[in-house]
Structures are given as structure tokens and as C-alpha cells.
Amino acid sequence: MVEKANSIYAKGGYTDTQAQRNILSNPFKRFEDMRMLHHTKTLGVIQVDESVWKKLTREEKQEIERICDEKLENYYRRFK
């Protein structure tokens, strides 16, 4: 298990709706409030605001992807 003991994921028995609510409130809400990210509820998609995305260079987008991959690897490596 890679979650804290008090996490809904560690406790089990959670619904898809509870999981979605948890994901969207931590830390997504902060970025949504700043209008940098959006959640399209009908499609179940989280996206970077178009005006923000257009301002990023190809290299910046690649760097974001690299950092995300690295952070995920480091996070899950702790639990192996």
C-alpha cells in the first residue's frame, strides 16, 4: 500500500465518486482556483488551461512530462 493509513484508499471500500472527489480536492483545487487547470465533468478529463498550454514551449511541455514521470517513479520506489 502506498497511501497513508487514514487515506480512503488504504481503508478500502471507497466508491469511484469518493475517489474522484478526493483527487479533485487535493491539490487540484488550488490550480483550478487559479484557473490553470480545468476538470470537464462530463468527459472525466483534467486539462491544462488552453491559454497556459499555448504559452508553453515544446521543451517546457517535455520538461513537465519528465518531471511528472520522475516524481511518480520516486513516489512508488519508496514502497518497493
PDB file of N, CA and C in Angstrom:
ATOM      1  N   MET A   1       0.849  -1.172   0.000  1.00  0.00           N
ATOM      2  CA  MET A   1       0.000   0.000   0.000  1.00  0.00           C
ATOM      3  C   MET A   1       0.892   1.231   0.000  1.00  0.00           C
ATOM      4  N   VAL A   2       0.565   2.210  -0.811  1.00  0.00           N
ATOM      5  CA  VAL A   2       1.380   3.412  -0.931  1.00  0.00           C
ATOM      6  C   VAL A   2       0.699   4.637  -0.337  1.00  0.00           C
ATOM      7  N   GLU A   3      -0.393   4.440   0.343  1.00  0.00           N
ATOM      8  CA  GLU A   3      -1.141   5.557   0.909  1.00  0.00           C
ATOM      9  C   GLU A   3      -0.994   5.608   2.423  1.00  0.00           C
ATOM     10  N   LYS A   4      -1.255   6.779   2.995  1.00  0.00           N
ATOM     11  CA  LYS A   4      -1.261   6.928   4.444  1.00  0.00           C
ATOM     12  C   LYS A   4      -2.403   6.106   5.024  1.00  0.00           C
ATOM     13  N   ALA A   5      -2.255   5.707   6.271  1.00  0.00           N
ATOM     14  CA  ALA A   5      -3.245   4.839   6.915  1.00  0.00           C
ATOM     15  C   ALA A   5      -4.640   5.448   6.952  1.00  0.00           C
ATOM     16  N   ASN A   6      -4.746   6.773   7.051  1.00  0.00           N
ATOM     17  CA  ASN A   6      -6.065   7.402   7.125  1.00  0.00           C
ATOM     18  C   ASN A   6      -6.657   7.734   5.755  1.00  0.00           C
ATOM     19  N   SER A   7      -5.978   7.361   4.698  1.00  0.00           N
ATOM     20  CA  SER A   7      -6.456   7.602   3.337  1.00  0.00           C
ATOM     21  C   SER A   7      -7.640   6.693   3.018  1.00  0.00           C
ATOM     22  N   ILE A   8      -8.570   7.205   2.208  1.00  0.00           N
ATOM     23  CA  ILE A   8      -9.706   6.365   1.803  1.00  0.00           C
ATOM     24  C   ILE A   8      -9.226   5.154   1.025  1.00  0.00           C
ATOM     25  N   TYR A   9      -8.089   5.277   0.352  1.00  0.00           N
ATOM     26  CA  TYR A   9      -7.570   4.175  -0.452  1.00  0.00           C
ATOM     27  C   TYR A   9      -6.999   3.067   0.431  1.00  0.00           C
ATOM     28  N   ALA A  10      -6.382   3.447   1.543  1.00  0.00           N
ATOM     29  CA  ALA A  10      -5.835   2.458   2.468  1.00  0.00           C
ATOM     30  C   ALA A  10      -6.951   1.745   3.224  1.00  0.00           C
ATOM     31  N   LYS A  11      -8.024   2.480   3.512  1.00  0.00           N
ATOM     32  CA  LYS A  11      -9.146   1.900   4.254  1.00  0.00           C
ATOM     33  C   LYS A  11      -9.956   0.938   3.397  1.00  0.00           C
ATOM     34  N   GLY A  12      -9.980   1.191   2.078  1.00  0.00           N
ATOM     35  CA  GLY A  12     -10.741   0.333   1.174  1.00  0.00           C
ATOM     36  C   GLY A  12     -12.232   0.622   1.235  1.00  0.00           C
ATOM     37  N   GLY A  13     -12.975  -0.014   0.344  1.00  0.00           N
ATOM     38  CA  GLY A  13     -14.417   0.134   0.326  1.00  0.00           C
ATOM     39  C   GLY A  13     -14.912   1.472  -0.188  1.00  0.00           C
ATOM     40  N   TYR A  14     -14.050   2.232  -0.832  1.00  0.00           N
ATOM     41  CA  TYR A  14     -14.459   3.537  -1.347  1.00  0.00           C
ATOM     42  C   TYR A  14     -15.108   3.382  -2.720  1.00  0.00           C
ATOM     43  N   THR A  15     -15.933   4.351  -3.075  1.00  0.00           N
ATOM     44  CA  THR A  15     -16.610   4.335  -4.372  1.00  0.00           C
ATOM     45  C   THR A  15     -15.805   5.143  -5.383  1.00  0.00           C
ATOM     46  N   ASP A  16     -16.135   4.992  -6.653  1.00  0.00           N
ATOM     47  CA  ASP A  16     -15.497   5.799  -7.695  1.00  0.00           C
ATOM     48  C   ASP A  16     -15.737   7.281  -7.434  1.00  0.00           C
ATOM     49  N   THR A  17     -16.931   7.615  -6.985  1.00  0.00           N
ATOM     50  CA  THR A  17     -17.270   9.012  -6.699  1.00  0.00           C
ATOM     51  C   THR A  17     -16.401   9.557  -5.574  1.00  0.00           C
ATOM     52  N   GLN A  18     -16.181   8.773  -4.529  1.00  0.00           N
ATOM     53  CA  GLN A  18     -15.325   9.213  -3.428  1.00  0.00           C
ATOM     54  C   GLN A  18     -13.882   9.403  -3.896  1.00  0.00           C
ATOM     55  N   ALA A  19     -13.393   8.501  -4.726  1.00  0.00           N
ATOM     56  CA  ALA A  19     -12.030   8.614  -5.253  1.00  0.00           C
ATOM     57  C   ALA A  19     -11.894   9.862  -6.110  1.00  0.00           C
ATOM     58  N   GLN A  20     -12.876  10.101  -6.972  1.00  0.00           N
ATOM     59  CA  GLN A  20     -12.834  11.281  -7.833  1.00  0.00           C
ATOM     60  C   GLN A  20     -12.851  12.555  -6.994  1.00  0.00           C
ATOM     61  N   ARG A  21     -13.697  12.613  -5.993  1.00  0.00           N
ATOM     62  CA  ARG A  21     -13.791  13.783  -5.119  1.00  0.00           C
ATOM     63  C   ARG A  21     -12.457  14.025  -4.418  1.00  0.00           C
ATOM     64  N   ASN A  22     -11.812  12.969  -3.967  1.00  0.00           N
ATOM     65  CA  ASN A  22     -10.534  13.090  -3.282  1.00  0.00           C
ATOM     66  C   ASN A  22      -9.447  13.622  -4.212  1.00  0.00           C
ATOM     67  N   ILE A  23      -9.386  13.089  -5.414  1.00  0.00           N
ATOM     68  CA  ILE A  23      -8.381  13.525  -6.392  1.00  0.00           C
ATOM     69  C   ILE A  23      -8.570  14.991  -6.751  1.00  0.00           C
ATOM     70  N   LEU A  24      -9.823  15.400  -6.926  1.00  0.00           N
ATOM     71  CA  LEU A  24     -10.095  16.769  -7.349  1.00  0.00           C
ATOM     72  C   LEU A  24      -9.915  17.790  -6.230  1.00  0.00           C
ATOM     73  N   SER A  25      -9.874  17.353  -4.996  1.00  0.00           N
ATOM     74  CA  SER A  25      -9.715  18.306  -3.898  1.00  0.00           C
ATOM     75  C   SER A  25      -8.270  18.440  -3.429  1.00  0.00           C
ATOM     76  N   ASN A  26      -7.403  17.510  -3.769  1.00  0.00           N
ATOM     77  CA  ASN A  26      -6.029  17.509  -3.262  1.00  0.00           C
ATOM     78  C   ASN A  26      -5.015  17.245  -4.348  1.00  0.00           C
ATOM     79  N   PRO A  27      -4.195  18.097  -4.801  1.00  0.00           N
ATOM     80  CA  PRO A  27      -4.153  19.546  -4.670  1.00  0.00           C
ATOM     81  C   PRO A  27      -4.797  20.245  -5.864  1.00  0.00           C
ATOM     82  N   PHE A  28      -5.541  19.498  -6.658  1.00  0.00           N
ATOM     83  CA  PHE A  28      -6.121  20.037  -7.888  1.00  0.00           C
ATOM     84  C   PHE A  28      -6.880  21.336  -7.655  1.00  0.00           C
ATOM     85  N   LYS A  29      -7.630  21.411  -6.580  1.00  0.00           N
ATOM     86  CA  LYS A  29      -8.488  22.570  -6.319  1.00  0.00           C
ATOM     87  C   LYS A  29      -7.703  23.871  -6.359  1.00  0.00           C
ATOM     88  N   ARG A  30      -6.499  23.872  -5.819  1.00  0.00           N
ATOM     89  CA  ARG A  30      -5.681  25.089  -5.809  1.00  0.00           C
ATOM     90  C   ARG A  30      -5.398  25.569  -7.237  1.00  0.00           C
ATOM     91  N   PHE A  31      -5.045  24.645  -8.120  1.00  0.00           N
ATOM     92  CA  PHE A  31      -4.742  25.021  -9.502  1.00  0.00           C
ATOM     93  C   PHE A  31      -6.006  25.393 -10.270  1.00  0.00           C
ATOM     94  N   GLU A  32      -7.108  24.754  -9.933  1.00  0.00           N
ATOM     95  CA  GLU A  32      -8.372  25.115 -10.571  1.00  0.00           C
ATOM     96  C   GLU A  32      -8.787  26.520 -10.144  1.00  0.00           C
ATOM     97  N   ASP A  33      -8.618  26.849  -8.880  1.00  0.00           N
ATOM     98  CA  ASP A  33      -8.950  28.187  -8.386  1.00  0.00           C
ATOM     99  C   ASP A  33      -8.119  29.257  -9.085  1.00  0.00           C
ATOM    100  N   MET A  34      -6.888  28.924  -9.445  1.00  0.00           N
ATOM    101  CA  MET A  34      -6.021  29.861 -10.160  1.00  0.00           C
ATOM    102  C   MET A  34      -6.285  29.827 -11.667  1.00  0.00           C
ATOM    103  N   ARG A  35      -7.233  29.002 -12.073  1.00  0.00           N
ATOM    104  CA  ARG A  35      -7.638  28.847 -13.476  1.00  0.00           C
ATOM    105  C   ARG A  35      -6.507  28.355 -14.373  1.00  0.00           C
ATOM    106  N   MET A  36      -5.656  27.522 -13.812  1.00  0.00           N
ATOM    107  CA  MET A  36      -4.577  26.923 -14.587  1.00  0.00           C
ATOM    108  C   MET A  36      -4.963  25.539 -15.083  1.00  0.00           C
ATOM    109  N   LEU A  37      -5.850  24.866 -14.344  1.00  0.00           N
ATOM    110  CA  LEU A  37      -6.351  23.544 -14.708  1.00  0.00           C
ATOM    111  C   LEU A  37      -7.866  23.566 -14.680  1.00  0.00           C
ATOM    112  N   HIS A  38      -8.456  22.681 -15.470  1.00  0.00           N
ATOM    113  CA  HIS A  38      -9.911  22.563 -15.520  1.00  0.00           C
ATOM    114  C   HIS A  38     -10.299  21.098 -15.460  1.00  0.00           C
ATOM    115  N   HIS A  39     -11.438  20.848 -14.854  1.00  0.00           N
ATOM    116  CA  HIS A  39     -11.995  19.496 -14.820  1.00  0.00           C
ATOM    117  C   HIS A  39     -13.280  19.502 -15.628  1.00  0.00           C
ATOM    118  N   THR A  40     -13.306  18.719 -16.691  1.00  0.00           N
ATOM    119  CA  THR A  40     -14.504  18.573 -17.508  1.00  0.00           C
ATOM    120  C   THR A  40     -15.263  17.365 -16.985  1.00  0.00           C
ATOM    121  N   LYS A  41     -16.286  17.635 -16.188  1.00  0.00           N
ATOM    122  CA  LYS A  41     -17.002  16.561 -15.503  1.00  0.00           C
ATOM    123  C   LYS A  41     -17.679  15.597 -16.466  1.00  0.00           C
ATOM    124  N   THR A  42     -18.233  16.109 -17.561  1.00  0.00           N
ATOM    125  CA  THR A  42     -18.951  15.232 -18.492  1.00  0.00           C
ATOM    126  C   THR A  42     -18.023  14.232 -19.163  1.00  0.00           C
ATOM    127  N   LEU A  43     -16.761  14.607 -19.357  1.00  0.00           N
ATOM    128  CA  LEU A  43     -15.799  13.717 -20.007  1.00  0.00           C
ATOM    129  C   LEU A  43     -14.861  13.048 -19.008  1.00  0.00           C
ATOM    130  N   GLY A  44     -14.856  13.531 -17.774  1.00  0.00           N
ATOM    131  CA  GLY A  44     -13.937  12.989 -16.777  1.00  0.00           C
ATOM    132  C   GLY A  44     -12.490  13.304 -17.095  1.00  0.00           C
ATOM    133  N   VAL A  45     -12.248  14.506 -17.627  1.00  0.00           N
ATOM    134  CA  VAL A  45     -10.912  14.895 -18.079  1.00  0.00           C
ATOM    135  C   VAL A  45     -10.415  16.088 -17.268  1.00  0.00           C
ATOM    136  N   ILE A  46      -9.142  16.045 -16.902  1.00  0.00           N
ATOM    137  CA  ILE A  46      -8.479  17.199 -16.301  1.00  0.00           C
ATOM    138  C   ILE A  46      -7.518  17.734 -17.346  1.00  0.00           C
ATOM    139  N   GLN A  47      -7.584  19.045 -17.578  1.00  0.00           N
ATOM    140  CA  GLN A  47      -6.735  19.612 -18.625  1.00  0.00           C
ATOM    141  C   GLN A  47      -6.104  20.920 -18.174  1.00  0.00           C
ATOM    142  N   VAL A  48      -4.955  21.218 -18.764  1.00  0.00           N
ATOM    143  CA  VAL A  48      -4.290  22.495 -18.553  1.00  0.00           C
ATOM    144  C   VAL A  48      -5.080  23.539 -19.324  1.00  0.00           C
ATOM    145  N   ASP A  49      -5.262  24.705 -18.717  1.00  0.00           N
ATOM    146  CA  ASP A  49      -5.968  25.787 -19.390  1.00  0.00           C
ATOM    147  C   ASP A  49      -5.319  26.070 -20.744  1.00  0.00           C
ATOM    148  N   GLU A  50      -6.142  26.271 -21.751  1.00  0.00           N
ATOM    149  CA  GLU A  50      -5.647  26.453 -23.119  1.00  0.00           C
ATOM    150  C   GLU A  50      -4.672  27.623 -23.227  1.00  0.00           C
ATOM    151  N   SER A  51      -4.968  28.735 -22.561  1.00  0.00           N
ATOM    152  CA  SER A  51      -4.074  29.896 -22.655  1.00  0.00           C
ATOM    153  C   SER A  51      -2.717  29.601 -22.014  1.00  0.00           C
ATOM    154  N   VAL A  52      -2.717  28.817 -20.945  1.00  0.00           N
ATOM    155  CA  VAL A  52      -1.459  28.420 -20.304  1.00  0.00           C
ATOM    156  C   VAL A  52      -0.699  27.465 -21.215  1.00  0.00           C
ATOM    157  N   TRP A  53      -1.405  26.460 -21.756  1.00  0.00           N
ATOM    158  CA  TRP A  53      -0.781  25.444 -22.610  1.00  0.00           C
ATOM    159  C   TRP A  53      -0.141  26.067 -23.844  1.00  0.00           C
ATOM    160  N   LYS A  54      -0.819  27.035 -24.454  1.00  0.00           N
ATOM    161  CA  LYS A  54      -0.301  27.671 -25.670  1.00  0.00           C
ATOM    162  C   LYS A  54       0.982  28.452 -25.409  1.00  0.00           C
ATOM    163  N   LYS A  55       1.141  28.944 -24.199  1.00  0.00           N
ATOM    164  CA  LYS A  55       2.329  29.735 -23.877  1.00  0.00           C
ATOM    165  C   LYS A  55       3.556  28.873 -23.592  1.00  0.00           C
ATOM    166  N   LEU A  56       3.340  27.592 -23.353  1.00  0.00           N
ATOM    167  CA  LEU A  56       4.463  26.698 -23.076  1.00  0.00           C
ATOM    168  C   LEU A  56       5.159  26.297 -24.370  1.00  0.00           C
ATOM    169  N   THR A  57       6.479  26.259 -24.323  1.00  0.00           N
ATOM    170  CA  THR A  57       7.228  25.783 -25.484  1.00  0.00           C
ATOM    171  C   THR A  57       7.200  24.256 -25.497  1.00  0.00           C
ATOM    172  N   ARG A  58       7.602  23.692 -26.602  1.00  0.00           N
ATOM    173  CA  ARG A  58       7.678  22.232 -26.715  1.00  0.00           C
ATOM    174  C   ARG A  58       8.611  21.673 -25.642  1.00  0.00           C
ATOM    175  N   GLU A  59       9.719  22.362 -25.437  1.00  0.00           N
ATOM    176  CA  GLU A  59      10.694  21.936 -24.440  1.00  0.00           C
ATOM    177  C   GLU A  59      10.109  21.998 -23.031  1.00  0.00           C
ATOM    178  N   GLU A  60       9.336  23.025 -22.739  1.00  0.00           N
ATOM    179  CA  GLU A  60       8.710  23.139 -21.417  1.00  0.00           C
ATOM    180  C   GLU A  60       7.703  22.011 -21.189  1.00  0.00           C
ATOM    181  N   LYS A  61       6.950  21.678 -22.209  1.00  0.00           N
ATOM    182  CA  LYS A  61       5.989  20.574 -22.099  1.00  0.00           C
ATOM    183  C   LYS A  61       6.715  19.253 -21.861  1.00  0.00           C
ATOM    184  N   GLN A  62       7.829  19.048 -22.559  1.00  0.00           N
ATOM    185  CA  GLN A  62       8.620  17.834 -22.365  1.00  0.00           C
ATOM    186  C   GLN A  62       9.209  17.792 -20.958  1.00  0.00           C
ATOM    187  N   GLU A  63       9.636  18.942 -20.468  1.00  0.00           N
ATOM    188  CA  GLU A  63      10.196  19.013 -19.117  1.00  0.00           C
ATOM    189  C   GLU A  63       9.123  18.706 -18.068  1.00  0.00           C
ATOM    190  N   ILE A  64       7.922  19.191 -18.260  1.00  0.00           N
ATOM    191  CA  ILE A  64       6.814  18.888 -17.347  1.00  0.00           C
ATOM    192  C   ILE A  64       6.560  17.387 -17.325  1.00  0.00           C
ATOM    193  N   GLU A  65       6.528  16.780 -18.490  1.00  0.00           N
ATOM    194  CA  GLU A  65       6.306  15.330 -18.570  1.00  0.00           C
ATOM    195  C   GLU A  65       7.438  14.561 -17.886  1.00  0.00           C
ATOM    196  N   ARG A  66       8.667  14.990 -18.100  1.00  0.00           N
ATOM    197  CA  ARG A  66       9.821  14.332 -17.480  1.00  0.00           C
ATOM    198  C   ARG A  66       9.740  14.428 -15.955  1.00  0.00           C
ATOM    199  N   ILE A  67       9.419  15.607 -15.447  1.00  0.00           N
ATOM    200  CA  ILE A  67       9.319  15.808 -14.002  1.00  0.00           C
ATOM    201  C   ILE A  67       8.204  14.949 -13.415  1.00  0.00           C
ATOM    202  N   CYS A  68       7.066  14.905 -14.076  1.00  0.00           N
ATOM    203  CA  CYS A  68       5.950  14.080 -13.594  1.00  0.00           C
ATOM    204  C   CYS A  68       6.347  12.608 -13.540  1.00  0.00           C
ATOM    205  N   ASP A  69       6.984  12.128 -14.597  1.00  0.00           N
ATOM    206  CA  ASP A  69       7.437  10.730 -14.622  1.00  0.00           C
ATOM    207  C   ASP A  69       8.419  10.455 -13.485  1.00  0.00           C
ATOM    208  N   GLU A  70       9.361  11.362 -13.291  1.00  0.00           N
ATOM    209  CA  GLU A  70      10.365  11.202 -12.241  1.00  0.00           C
ATOM    210  C   GLU A  70       9.720  11.196 -10.853  1.00  0.00           C
ATOM    211  N   LYS A  71       8.795  12.115 -10.621  1.00  0.00           N
ATOM    212  CA  LYS A  71       8.122  12.186  -9.318  1.00  0.00           C
ATOM    213  C   LYS A  71       7.318  10.924  -9.039  1.00  0.00           C
ATOM    214  N   LEU A  72       6.640  10.408 -10.052  1.00  0.00           N
ATOM    215  CA  LEU A  72       5.876   9.172  -9.869  1.00  0.00           C
ATOM    216  C   LEU A  72       6.799   7.993  -9.565  1.00  0.00           C
ATOM    217  N   GLU A  73       7.906   7.898 -10.291  1.00  0.00           N
ATOM    218  CA  GLU A  73       8.869   6.819 -10.038  1.00  0.00           C
ATOM    219  C   GLU A  73       9.419   6.899  -8.620  1.00  0.00           C
ATOM    220  N   ASN A  74       9.795   8.101  -8.189  1.00  0.00           N
ATOM    221  CA  ASN A  74      10.329   8.281  -6.835  1.00  0.00           C
ATOM    222  C   ASN A  74       9.284   7.952  -5.778  1.00  0.00           C
ATOM    223  N   TYR A  75       8.055   8.344  -6.009  1.00  0.00           N
ATOM    224  CA  TYR A  75       6.981   8.078  -5.050  1.00  0.00           C
ATOM    225  C   TYR A  75       6.783   6.580  -4.857  1.00  0.00           C
ATOM    226  N   TYR A  76       6.670   5.850  -5.953  1.00  0.00           N
ATOM    227  CA  TYR A  76       6.404   4.419  -5.857  1.00  0.00           C
ATOM    228  C   TYR A  76       7.633   3.606  -5.468  1.00  0.00           C
ATOM    229  N   ARG A  77       8.822   4.117  -5.723  1.00  0.00           N
ATOM    230  CA  ARG A  77      10.055   3.429  -5.340  1.00  0.00           C
ATOM    231  C   ARG A  77      10.146   3.289  -3.816  1.00  0.00           C
ATOM    232  N   ARG A  78       9.582   4.235  -3.094  1.00  0.00           N
ATOM    233  CA  ARG A  78       9.634   4.189  -1.625  1.00  0.00           C
ATOM    234  C   ARG A  78       8.928   2.967  -1.063  1.00  0.00           C
ATOM    235  N   PHE A  79       8.045   2.369  -1.828  1.00  0.00           N
ATOM    236  CA  PHE A  79       7.212   1.292  -1.310  1.00  0.00           C
ATOM    237  C   PHE A  79       7.593  -0.079  -1.850  1.00  0.00           C
ATOM    238  N   LYS A  80       8.712  -0.165  -2.551  1.00  0.00           N
ATOM    239  CA  LYS A  80       9.154  -1.456  -3.097  1.00  0.00           C
ATOM    240  C   LYS A  80       9.932  -2.229  -2.073  1.00  0.00           C
TER     241      LYS A  80
END
